[in-house]
Amino acid sequence: MGKKYIINLSDEERGELSELTNKGKTGARKLKRAQILLLADEGKTDREIAENIHVGVSTAERTRRRFVEGGSENALNERRRPGKKPLLNGRQEAILIAEACSDPPEGRSKWTMQLLADRIVELGVVGSISDDTVLRTLKKTT
């Protein structure tokens, strides 16, 4: 069975990739991908590439496919990752911060993360929230 994604680099592409692999300021993943493309252009199989530069066979296959489908920029660079939606919006964060800056409950010398979480739920700002989320939110606001 023949390879579905065959790499045929132009002289310009080969030069850019070679320059990238010889430059000292390239990230490890990008460097490995450039090496994969150069070896694939030499006619090496995915298994040979994987053994040669110590990556998984699937990484070699995926890099080859991404190059054929979208060019060198697509093959060399990371795709954006969406991340998780924030648990609190700006208004909710502002209320949390205002509560943290207010006087602690009677009988307490200071707010704890759990007390703040309970207070925010009590105020109806959110249905539920963990003390870890409170900590992360307050930590990112100096």
Protein backbone atom coordinates (compact mmCIF):
# COMPACT_ATOMS: atom_id res chain seq x y z
CA MET A 1 0.00 0.00 0.00
CA GLY A 2 1.47 3.39 -1.04
CA LYS A 3 1.76 6.45 1.13
CA LYS A 4 -1.23 8.75 1.00
CA TYR A 5 0.65 11.91 2.02
CA ILE A 6 3.85 12.27 0.00
CA ILE A 7 6.18 15.16 0.76
CA ASN A 8 7.91 16.90 -2.15
CA LEU A 9 9.57 20.05 -0.85
CA SER A 10 10.56 22.88 -3.13
CA ASP A 11 14.14 24.15 -2.92
CA GLU A 12 12.85 27.20 -1.06
CA GLU A 13 10.90 25.11 1.48
CA ARG A 14 13.86 22.79 1.99
CA GLY A 15 16.11 25.79 2.59
CA GLU A 16 13.71 27.34 5.09
CA LEU A 17 13.35 24.07 7.00
CA SER A 18 17.11 23.48 7.02
CA GLU A 19 17.67 27.00 8.29
CA LEU A 20 15.04 26.43 10.97
CA THR A 21 16.75 23.24 12.18
CA ASN A 22 20.16 24.95 12.30
CA LYS A 23 18.95 28.04 14.14
CA GLY A 24 19.34 28.01 17.91
CA LYS A 25 16.08 29.77 18.77
CA THR A 26 13.53 27.20 17.60
CA GLY A 27 11.09 25.48 19.95
CA ALA A 28 11.51 21.72 20.40
CA ARG A 29 8.19 20.75 18.81
CA LYS A 30 8.67 23.00 15.82
CA LEU A 31 12.22 21.67 15.38
CA LYS A 32 11.02 18.05 15.43
CA ARG A 33 8.32 18.82 12.88
CA ALA A 34 10.84 20.47 10.56
CA GLN A 35 13.11 17.43 10.89
CA ILE A 36 10.16 15.14 10.11
CA LEU A 37 9.39 17.08 6.93
CA LEU A 38 13.02 17.04 5.79
CA LEU A 39 13.34 13.29 6.34
CA ALA A 40 9.98 12.65 4.66
CA ASP A 41 11.22 14.63 1.66
CA GLU A 42 14.23 12.27 1.50
CA GLY A 43 11.78 9.37 1.10
CA LYS A 44 12.03 7.96 4.62
CA THR A 45 9.05 6.06 6.00
CA ASP A 46 7.17 7.24 9.07
CA ARG A 47 8.69 4.40 11.09
CA GLU A 48 12.24 5.33 10.02
CA ILE A 49 11.57 8.99 10.83
CA ALA A 50 10.16 8.09 14.23
CA GLU A 51 13.19 5.98 15.11
CA ASN A 52 15.64 8.54 13.74
CA ILE A 53 14.41 11.58 15.71
CA HIS A 54 12.71 9.83 18.62
CA VAL A 55 9.07 10.69 18.02
CA GLY A 56 6.01 8.49 17.71
CA VAL A 57 5.04 7.10 14.32
CA SER A 58 1.69 8.89 14.65
CA THR A 59 3.52 12.22 15.09
CA ALA A 60 5.36 11.64 11.84
CA GLU A 61 2.13 10.64 10.07
CA ARG A 62 0.23 13.62 11.46
CA THR A 63 2.97 16.10 10.51
CA ARG A 64 3.15 14.69 7.00
CA ARG A 65 -0.65 14.92 6.63
CA ARG A 66 -0.80 18.47 7.98
CA PHE A 67 1.89 19.57 5.51
CA VAL A 68 0.10 18.06 2.51
CA GLU A 69 -3.28 19.46 3.57
CA GLY A 70 -2.18 22.94 4.66
CA GLY A 71 1.46 23.69 3.88
CA SER A 72 4.50 24.17 6.06
CA GLU A 73 2.95 26.78 8.40
CA ASN A 74 0.14 24.35 9.22
CA ALA A 75 2.57 21.48 9.76
CA LEU A 76 5.13 23.37 11.87
CA ASN A 77 2.94 25.42 14.21
CA GLU A 78 0.62 24.49 17.04
CA ARG A 79 -3.09 24.83 16.54
CA ARG A 80 -4.90 27.17 18.88
CA ARG A 81 -6.51 25.40 21.79
CA PRO A 82 -9.84 26.77 22.94
CA GLY A 83 -9.38 26.25 26.67
CA LYS A 84 -12.16 26.07 29.19
CA LYS A 85 -14.82 28.74 29.53
CA PRO A 86 -14.20 30.96 32.61
CA LEU A 87 -16.35 29.99 35.58
CA LEU A 88 -16.97 33.62 36.58
CA ASN A 89 -17.76 36.55 34.32
CA GLY A 90 -16.46 40.07 34.98
CA ARG A 91 -19.44 41.13 37.11
CA GLN A 92 -19.22 38.00 39.27
CA GLU A 93 -15.48 38.48 39.73
CA ALA A 94 -16.04 42.08 40.79
CA ILE A 95 -18.56 40.98 43.43
CA LEU A 96 -16.15 38.33 44.71
CA ILE A 97 -13.31 40.86 44.95
CA ALA A 98 -15.56 43.38 46.69
CA GLU A 99 -16.55 40.74 49.24
CA ALA A 100 -12.91 39.75 49.79
CA CYS A 101 -12.05 43.41 50.46
CA SER A 102 -14.93 43.86 52.89
CA ASP A 103 -14.83 43.10 56.60
CA PRO A 104 -14.90 39.38 57.40
CA PRO A 105 -17.94 37.82 59.11
CA GLU A 106 -18.42 38.39 62.81
CA GLY A 107 -16.19 36.18 64.91
CA ARG A 108 -13.58 35.87 62.14
CA SER A 109 -10.36 37.84 61.80
CA LYS A 110 -10.12 37.31 58.01
CA TRP A 111 -11.87 35.74 55.05
CA THR A 112 -11.03 32.15 54.10
CA MET A 113 -11.51 30.90 50.56
CA GLN A 114 -14.33 28.64 51.72
CA LEU A 115 -16.08 31.49 53.54
CA LEU A 116 -15.88 33.62 50.40
CA ALA A 117 -17.21 30.77 48.26
CA ASP A 118 -20.11 30.25 50.65
CA ARG A 119 -20.82 34.01 50.74
CA ILE A 120 -20.93 34.32 46.94
CA VAL A 121 -23.39 31.41 46.76
CA GLU A 122 -25.42 32.92 49.60
CA LEU A 123 -25.66 36.22 47.68
CA GLY A 124 -26.96 34.34 44.64
CA VAL A 125 -24.06 35.40 42.41
CA VAL A 126 -23.47 31.77 41.36
CA GLY A 127 -25.20 28.48 42.05
CA SER A 128 -22.03 26.86 43.35
CA ILE A 129 -18.33 27.62 43.44
CA SER A 130 -15.31 25.91 44.95
CA ASP A 131 -12.77 27.48 47.23
CA ASP A 132 -10.13 26.64 44.58
CA THR A 133 -11.96 28.78 42.01
CA VAL A 134 -12.13 31.62 44.52
CA LEU A 135 -8.40 31.28 45.15
CA ARG A 136 -7.52 31.28 41.42
CA THR A 137 -9.75 34.28 40.79
CA LEU A 138 -8.28 36.30 43.63
CA LYS A 139 -4.76 35.20 42.76
CA LYS A 140 -4.98 36.61 39.23
CA THR A 141 -6.12 39.99 40.57
CA THR A 142 -3.36 41.48 42.64
